[in-house]
């Protein structure tokens, strides 16, 4: 049978595109885990609409809203995921639990086992590239950090902040995977403070009536909008860049700039008081954030993003714009030392009084425990 006339083919392609179906392309088949919610849902929709992507396979424990992809419903820790990855060129693994309310041991078991399973399954299925997403938090927030940090900077974080221990283990798995599975390329994307429908200890910092500042600290704020993260992940999927990639807005904001832009005044506390209170409040269950989270509001962990920039990628959002969106999302929420309060509690406590109340509560509990031991 002879080939259709080129004009006929063009007409068919136009018809398929008009009907909401992508014309045939030679790009990669991409599988996305955690595709039903959050960043995974945004990336899935973005890739499904891209003319450079041939097909998208979406994997999650429930079906998402994107109709233009092939869905597989299963837990990423299930070894059967290997069958679902066959035929994929690239896997983007976004099925991570970094919820502040999750029990730590269960969260770690899910994150680490899930990543191990996906890497092993991808290699078994003949996938040649896996893209993992951790956080720039893995560099650690330290007073002697350079401004900005290069991608090759040493990972000096500890496991003391929420989920960072899991992310460090995922980074270790990423480094080991190409040796364990020759031919498998692993790219790791590390975003700065992620904003856009996210809920973390760092976004909750801006829900407080006062911005807690530790005396003698040197905060530097760099944000990453989820749209820019998805753009960076797409660059990795299309093999425009590889290796360890840091992603965020250009530059950073000093604490004074954040306070001026937000209109939220600071409450300054000595280091020993702030860290000690944070540790006690977390230990007795009053707040979801361990004391280690506080370091990321004290010291810089700004990244350069030079590898993405060299590849031609640029953030579409500025730090000022992302902060404005974060403040809009935070409107109406009331958080003190990482713990969300109801409207009635926040009104009763007052602005600075809410923090004092929680600090006082920790002291009361401590005195009560001492009394019981006598």
Protein backbone atom coordinates (compact mmCIF):
# COMPACT_ATOMS: atom_id res chain seq x y z
CA UNK A 1 0.00 0.00 0.00
CA UNK A 2 1.39 3.40 -0.96
CA UNK A 3 2.06 6.07 1.69
CA UNK A 4 -0.60 8.76 2.14
CA UNK A 5 -0.04 12.07 0.43
CA UNK A 6 1.88 14.51 2.71
CA UNK A 7 -1.08 16.89 2.68
CA UNK A 8 -3.35 14.04 3.79
CA UNK A 9 -0.98 13.19 6.64
CA UNK A 10 -0.86 16.85 7.70
CA UNK A 11 -4.65 17.00 7.66
CA UNK A 12 -4.88 13.86 9.78
CA UNK A 13 -2.37 15.23 12.28
CA UNK A 14 -4.28 18.50 12.49
CA UNK A 15 -7.53 16.59 13.03
CA UNK A 16 -6.02 14.49 15.83
CA UNK A 17 -4.55 17.56 17.52
CA UNK A 18 -7.88 19.39 17.27
CA UNK A 19 -9.60 16.41 18.88
CA UNK A 20 -7.31 16.72 21.92
CA UNK A 21 -4.93 13.91 20.91
CA UNK A 22 -1.27 14.57 20.35
CA UNK A 23 0.14 13.76 16.91
CA UNK A 24 2.73 11.00 16.76
CA UNK A 25 6.11 12.22 18.04
CA UNK A 26 9.51 10.62 18.41
CA UNK A 27 10.09 11.84 21.99
CA UNK A 28 10.41 9.70 25.10
CA UNK A 29 7.78 7.67 26.89
CA UNK A 30 7.74 9.00 30.45
CA UNK A 31 6.41 7.35 33.61
CA UNK A 32 5.59 9.56 36.60
CA UNK A 33 5.06 8.15 40.10
CA UNK A 34 2.97 10.12 42.58
CA UNK A 35 1.10 11.42 39.54
CA UNK A 36 -2.31 12.03 41.14
CA UNK A 37 -1.48 14.93 43.46
CA UNK A 38 0.90 17.81 44.08
CA UNK A 39 3.96 18.26 41.91
CA UNK A 40 3.32 14.86 40.33
CA UNK A 41 -0.09 15.94 39.04
CA UNK A 42 1.27 19.22 37.68
CA UNK A 43 4.18 17.52 35.92
CA UNK A 44 1.93 14.78 34.50
CA UNK A 45 -0.39 17.37 32.93
CA UNK A 46 2.57 19.38 31.63
CA UNK A 47 4.21 16.36 29.99
CA UNK A 48 0.90 15.15 28.55
CA UNK A 49 0.51 18.51 26.80
CA UNK A 50 4.09 18.63 25.52
CA UNK A 51 4.75 18.02 21.84
CA UNK A 52 8.18 16.65 22.77
CA UNK A 53 6.77 13.75 24.83
CA UNK A 54 5.44 10.67 23.04
CA UNK A 55 3.38 9.18 25.86
CA UNK A 56 2.93 9.52 29.64
CA UNK A 57 2.34 6.67 32.07
CA UNK A 58 0.91 7.82 35.41
CA UNK A 59 1.38 5.72 38.56
CA UNK A 60 -0.24 6.35 41.92
CA UNK A 61 -2.41 4.68 44.56
CA UNK A 62 -5.44 6.45 43.12
CA UNK A 63 -6.39 7.83 39.74
CA UNK A 64 -5.71 11.50 39.10
CA UNK A 65 -7.60 13.98 36.97
CA UNK A 66 -5.42 13.97 33.86
CA UNK A 67 -7.26 12.01 31.15
CA UNK A 68 -4.57 12.16 28.47
CA UNK A 69 -2.29 9.59 30.14
CA UNK A 70 -2.27 5.88 30.88
CA UNK A 71 -3.02 5.22 34.57
CA UNK A 72 -1.73 2.35 36.73
CA UNK A 73 -3.04 2.17 40.29
CA UNK A 74 -0.53 0.63 42.70
CA UNK A 75 1.86 1.31 45.58
CA UNK A 76 5.36 2.20 44.38
CA UNK A 77 6.78 -0.31 46.87
CA UNK A 78 5.10 -3.14 44.95
CA UNK A 79 7.68 -4.99 42.80
CA UNK A 80 4.91 -5.39 40.19
CA UNK A 81 5.70 -1.80 39.22
CA UNK A 82 8.43 -3.21 36.96
CA UNK A 83 5.76 -4.50 34.57
CA UNK A 84 4.14 -1.06 34.44
CA UNK A 85 7.47 0.57 33.54
CA UNK A 86 8.21 -1.61 30.53
CA UNK A 87 8.42 0.50 27.41
CA UNK A 88 9.21 3.70 29.34
CA UNK A 89 12.36 5.62 28.50
CA UNK A 90 12.35 7.84 31.60
CA UNK A 91 10.84 7.53 35.09
CA UNK A 92 10.24 10.60 37.27
CA UNK A 93 9.83 9.40 40.85
CA UNK A 94 7.72 11.87 42.84
CA UNK A 95 5.87 9.47 45.18
CA UNK A 96 7.31 10.78 48.45
CA UNK A 97 5.69 11.38 51.82
CA UNK A 98 7.02 14.57 53.42
CA UNK A 99 3.83 15.35 55.33
CA UNK A 100 4.43 17.01 58.70
CA UNK A 101 1.73 14.85 60.23
CA UNK A 102 3.17 11.50 59.12
CA UNK A 103 4.72 9.18 61.68
CA UNK A 104 8.48 9.39 61.14
CA UNK A 105 9.27 5.66 60.92
CA UNK A 106 6.37 4.97 58.54
CA UNK A 107 7.35 7.96 56.40
CA UNK A 108 10.94 6.76 56.12
CA UNK A 109 9.85 3.20 55.30
CA UNK A 110 7.66 4.51 52.47
CA UNK A 111 10.18 6.97 51.04
CA UNK A 112 13.26 4.79 51.12
CA UNK A 113 11.63 1.49 50.18
CA UNK A 114 9.66 3.19 47.42
CA UNK A 115 12.78 4.74 45.90
CA UNK A 116 14.70 1.46 46.13
CA UNK A 117 11.86 -0.39 44.41
CA UNK A 118 11.49 2.17 41.62
CA UNK A 119 15.22 2.21 40.87
CA UNK A 120 15.42 -1.60 40.79
CA UNK A 121 12.22 -1.93 38.76
CA UNK A 122 13.34 0.72 36.27
CA UNK A 123 16.61 -1.12 35.65
CA UNK A 124 14.75 -4.43 35.25
CA UNK A 125 12.30 -2.85 32.79
CA UNK A 126 15.06 -1.42 30.60
CA UNK A 127 14.45 2.23 31.53
CA UNK A 128 17.59 4.25 30.83
CA UNK A 129 16.95 7.31 33.03
CA UNK A 130 15.38 7.91 36.43
CA UNK A 131 14.78 11.44 37.72
CA UNK A 132 14.55 11.83 41.50
CA UNK A 133 13.45 14.93 43.40
CA UNK A 134 14.89 15.69 46.84
CA UNK A 135 15.53 19.21 48.18
CA UNK A 136 18.30 21.77 48.46
CA UNK A 137 17.92 21.15 52.20
CA UNK A 138 20.36 18.24 51.74
CA UNK A 139 23.20 20.78 51.55
CA UNK A 140 22.44 21.73 55.13
CA UNK A 141 21.80 25.19 56.60
CA UNK A 142 25.10 26.30 58.13
CA UNK A 143 26.60 29.67 59.09
CA UNK A 144 29.68 29.10 56.89
CA UNK A 145 27.77 28.16 53.72
CA UNK A 146 28.83 30.02 50.60
CA UNK A 147 26.28 32.29 48.95
CA UNK A 148 25.27 30.70 46.67
CA UNK A 149 26.19 27.01 46.93
CA UNK A 150 27.25 25.16 43.80
CA UNK A 151 25.64 21.84 42.88
CA UNK A 152 28.90 20.10 43.74
CA UNK A 153 28.93 21.46 47.30
CA UNK A 154 29.20 18.83 50.02
CA UNK A 155 25.91 17.53 51.42
CA UNK A 156 26.31 18.56 55.06
CA UNK A 157 22.73 18.22 56.27
CA UNK A 158 21.87 15.97 59.19
CA UNK A 159 18.74 13.90 59.76
CA UNK A 160 17.43 16.34 62.41
CA UNK A 161 14.94 18.21 60.19
CA UNK A 162 11.62 16.86 58.90
CA UNK A 163 12.22 14.28 56.17
CA UNK A 164 15.82 15.33 55.51
CA UNK A 165 17.16 11.98 56.70
CA UNK A 166 14.97 10.30 54.05
CA UNK A 167 16.21 12.70 51.37
CA UNK A 168 19.84 12.02 52.27
CA UNK A 169 19.20 8.29 51.97
CA UNK A 170 17.54 8.83 48.58
CA UNK A 171 20.63 10.79 47.51
CA UNK A 172 22.79 7.83 48.58
CA UNK A 173 20.60 5.44 46.57
CA UNK A 174 20.91 7.77 43.56
CA UNK A 175 24.72 7.70 43.72
CA UNK A 176 24.81 3.92 44.12
CA UNK A 177 22.22 3.00 41.46
CA UNK A 178 24.39 3.46 38.32
CA UNK A 179 27.02 1.15 39.84
CA UNK A 180 24.43 -1.44 40.86
CA UNK A 181 22.58 -1.13 37.53
CA UNK A 182 25.01 -0.33 34.68
CA UNK A 183 23.31 1.65 31.94
CA UNK A 184 20.87 3.37 34.32
CA UNK A 185 21.32 7.14 34.45
CA UNK A 186 20.04 8.90 37.59
CA UNK A 187 19.38 12.64 37.74
CA UNK A 188 18.59 14.34 41.06
CA UNK A 189 16.71 17.65 41.23
CA UNK A 190 17.03 19.71 44.44
CA UNK A 191 14.54 22.59 44.76
CA UNK A 192 14.86 25.49 47.21
CA UNK A 193 11.89 26.34 49.50
CA UNK A 194 9.03 24.93 47.43
CA UNK A 195 5.90 27.06 47.12
CA UNK A 196 2.61 26.50 45.33
CA UNK A 197 0.07 24.35 47.16
CA UNK A 198 2.75 22.94 49.47
CA UNK A 199 2.67 22.55 53.26
CA UNK A 200 6.06 22.34 54.96
CA UNK A 201 7.71 23.64 58.11
CA UNK A 202 9.25 26.39 55.97
CA UNK A 203 6.00 27.53 54.36
CA UNK A 204 4.31 27.46 57.77
CA UNK A 205 6.98 29.89 59.00
CA UNK A 206 5.10 32.57 57.06
CA UNK A 207 1.77 31.70 58.69
CA UNK A 208 3.03 32.93 62.06
CA UNK A 209 1.90 36.20 63.65
CA UNK A 210 5.57 37.07 64.14
CA UNK A 211 8.58 35.83 62.20
CA UNK A 212 10.81 34.06 64.69
CA UNK A 213 14.40 35.23 64.28
CA UNK A 214 17.19 33.65 66.28
CA UNK A 215 19.61 36.23 67.62
CA UNK A 216 22.94 36.20 65.80
CA UNK A 217 21.64 34.16 62.85
CA UNK A 218 21.99 35.08 59.17
CA UNK A 219 18.91 33.90 57.23
CA UNK A 220 18.81 34.07 53.44
CA UNK A 221 15.58 33.12 51.69
CA UNK A 222 15.42 31.51 48.26
CA UNK A 223 12.18 30.09 46.90
CA UNK A 224 11.18 27.75 44.09
CA UNK A 225 7.71 27.86 42.57
CA UNK A 226 6.26 24.45 41.69
CA UNK A 227 5.84 25.61 38.08
CA UNK A 228 9.58 26.26 37.84
CA UNK A 229 10.31 22.89 39.45
CA UNK A 230 8.15 21.18 36.82
CA UNK A 231 10.04 23.07 34.12
CA UNK A 232 13.35 21.84 35.53
CA UNK A 233 12.06 18.28 35.75
CA UNK A 234 10.96 18.49 32.11
CA UNK A 235 14.49 19.58 31.15
CA UNK A 236 15.83 16.50 32.92
CA UNK A 237 13.26 14.25 31.23
CA UNK A 238 14.27 15.56 27.79
CA UNK A 239 17.95 14.99 28.63
CA UNK A 240 18.80 18.65 28.20
CA UNK A 241 20.69 18.45 31.50
CA UNK A 242 21.78 15.70 33.88
CA UNK A 243 23.55 15.01 37.17
CA UNK A 244 22.74 16.81 40.42
CA UNK A 245 20.61 19.88 39.69
CA UNK A 246 19.71 22.68 42.08
CA UNK A 247 16.66 24.75 41.16
CA UNK A 248 15.23 27.96 42.55
CA UNK A 249 14.63 31.62 41.87
CA UNK A 250 17.64 33.74 40.93
CA UNK A 251 19.33 35.25 43.97
CA UNK A 252 17.87 35.46 47.47
CA UNK A 253 16.17 37.74 50.00
CA UNK A 254 17.69 38.85 53.28
CA UNK A 255 15.54 38.55 56.40
CA UNK A 256 15.01 42.31 56.52
CA UNK A 257 13.71 42.26 52.93
CA UNK A 258 11.32 39.41 53.77
CA UNK A 259 9.96 41.35 56.74
CA UNK A 260 9.52 44.51 54.66
CA UNK A 261 7.79 42.67 51.80
CA UNK A 262 5.56 40.59 54.07
CA UNK A 263 4.70 43.29 56.57
CA UNK A 264 5.20 40.72 59.36
CA UNK A 265 7.36 41.89 62.23
CA UNK A 266 9.99 39.74 63.85
CA UNK A 267 10.23 38.25 67.32
CA UNK A 268 13.88 37.75 68.21
CA UNK A 269 14.93 35.09 70.71
CA UNK A 270 18.34 33.90 71.95
CA UNK A 271 19.55 30.72 70.25
CA UNK A 272 19.44 28.58 73.39
CA UNK A 273 15.86 29.63 74.15
CA UNK A 274 14.57 29.14 70.60
CA UNK A 275 16.24 25.78 69.96
CA UNK A 276 15.53 24.44 73.44
CA UNK A 277 11.87 25.42 73.28
CA UNK A 278 11.48 23.95 69.77
CA UNK A 279 12.99 20.66 70.90
CA UNK A 280 10.76 20.45 73.99
CA UNK A 281 7.58 21.36 72.10
CA UNK A 282 8.25 18.67 69.51
CA UNK A 283 9.16 16.07 72.12
CA UNK A 284 5.89 16.51 73.99
CA UNK A 285 3.87 16.55 70.77
CA UNK A 286 2.77 20.19 70.74
CA UNK A 287 4.40 20.91 67.37
CA UNK A 288 5.06 18.73 64.31
CA UNK A 289 8.47 20.26 63.55
CA UNK A 290 11.67 19.04 65.22
CA UNK A 291 14.25 21.60 66.33
CA UNK A 292 16.34 20.77 63.27
CA UNK A 293 13.81 22.57 61.06
CA UNK A 294 14.72 25.84 62.78
CA UNK A 295 18.25 25.81 61.31
CA UNK A 296 16.79 26.36 57.84
CA UNK A 297 15.33 29.67 59.04
CA UNK A 298 18.61 30.67 60.69
CA UNK A 299 21.39 30.10 58.18
CA UNK A 300 21.74 30.27 54.37
CA UNK A 301 21.30 27.33 51.99
CA UNK A 302 20.90 29.29 48.77
CA UNK A 303 21.82 27.44 45.55
CA UNK A 304 23.19 28.73 42.25
CA UNK A 305 21.33 26.47 39.78
CA UNK A 306 24.25 26.89 37.38
CA UNK A 307 23.79 23.57 35.55
CA UNK A 308 20.21 24.33 34.59
CA UNK A 309 21.19 27.89 33.63
CA UNK A 310 24.02 26.61 31.44
CA UNK A 311 21.50 24.33 29.68
CA UNK A 312 19.28 27.31 28.88
CA UNK A 313 16.67 26.98 31.64
CA UNK A 314 15.54 30.10 33.50
CA UNK A 315 13.05 30.50 36.36
CA UNK A 316 9.84 32.25 35.40
CA UNK A 317 9.26 33.42 38.99
CA UNK A 318 11.26 35.81 41.17
CA UNK A 319 11.73 35.42 44.92
CA UNK A 320 9.51 38.46 45.47
CA UNK A 321 6.71 36.98 43.35
CA UNK A 322 6.87 33.58 45.03
CA UNK A 323 6.86 35.16 48.49
CA UNK A 324 3.75 37.15 47.51
CA UNK A 325 2.01 33.92 46.43
CA UNK A 326 3.08 32.18 49.63
CA UNK A 327 1.64 34.99 51.74
CA UNK A 328 -1.61 34.83 49.76
CA UNK A 329 -1.83 31.08 50.41
CA UNK A 330 -1.07 31.64 54.10
CA UNK A 331 -3.83 34.22 54.55
CA UNK A 332 -6.31 33.06 57.18
CA UNK A 333 -4.01 30.40 58.60
CA UNK A 334 -2.55 30.76 62.06
CA UNK A 335 0.61 28.85 62.90
CA UNK A 336 2.82 29.14 65.95
CA UNK A 337 6.15 27.29 66.14
CA UNK A 338 4.98 25.02 63.33
CA UNK A 339 1.63 24.16 64.94
CA UNK A 340 -1.54 25.34 63.23
CA UNK A 341 -4.11 26.94 65.50
CA UNK A 342 -7.83 27.24 64.97
CA UNK A 343 -9.22 30.72 64.39
CA UNK A 344 -10.59 30.88 67.93
CA UNK A 345 -7.25 29.83 69.47
CA UNK A 346 -5.32 32.34 67.40
CA UNK A 347 -7.69 35.20 68.26
CA UNK A 348 -7.57 34.37 71.95
CA UNK A 349 -3.80 34.04 72.02
CA UNK A 350 -3.10 37.26 70.19
CA UNK A 351 -0.08 37.89 68.00
CA UNK A 352 3.10 37.53 70.07
CA UNK A 353 1.06 36.06 72.91
CA UNK A 354 0.47 32.85 70.95
CA UNK A 355 4.16 32.07 70.86
CA UNK A 356 4.57 32.93 74.52
CA UNK A 357 1.62 30.64 75.32
CA UNK A 358 3.20 27.67 73.58
CA UNK A 359 6.58 28.29 75.15
CA UNK A 360 4.86 28.56 78.51
CA UNK A 361 2.95 25.35 77.88
CA UNK A 362 6.19 23.49 77.34
CA UNK A 363 7.54 24.81 80.61
CA UNK A 364 4.38 23.79 82.45
CA UNK A 365 4.56 20.24 81.08
CA UNK A 366 8.23 20.01 82.00
CA UNK A 367 7.54 21.12 85.58
CA UNK A 368 4.67 18.64 85.82
CA UNK A 369 6.90 15.77 84.69
CA UNK A 370 9.53 16.73 87.25
CA UNK A 371 6.90 16.79 89.97
CA UNK A 372 5.70 13.28 89.04
CA UNK A 373 9.24 11.92 89.28
CA UNK A 374 9.66 13.16 92.85
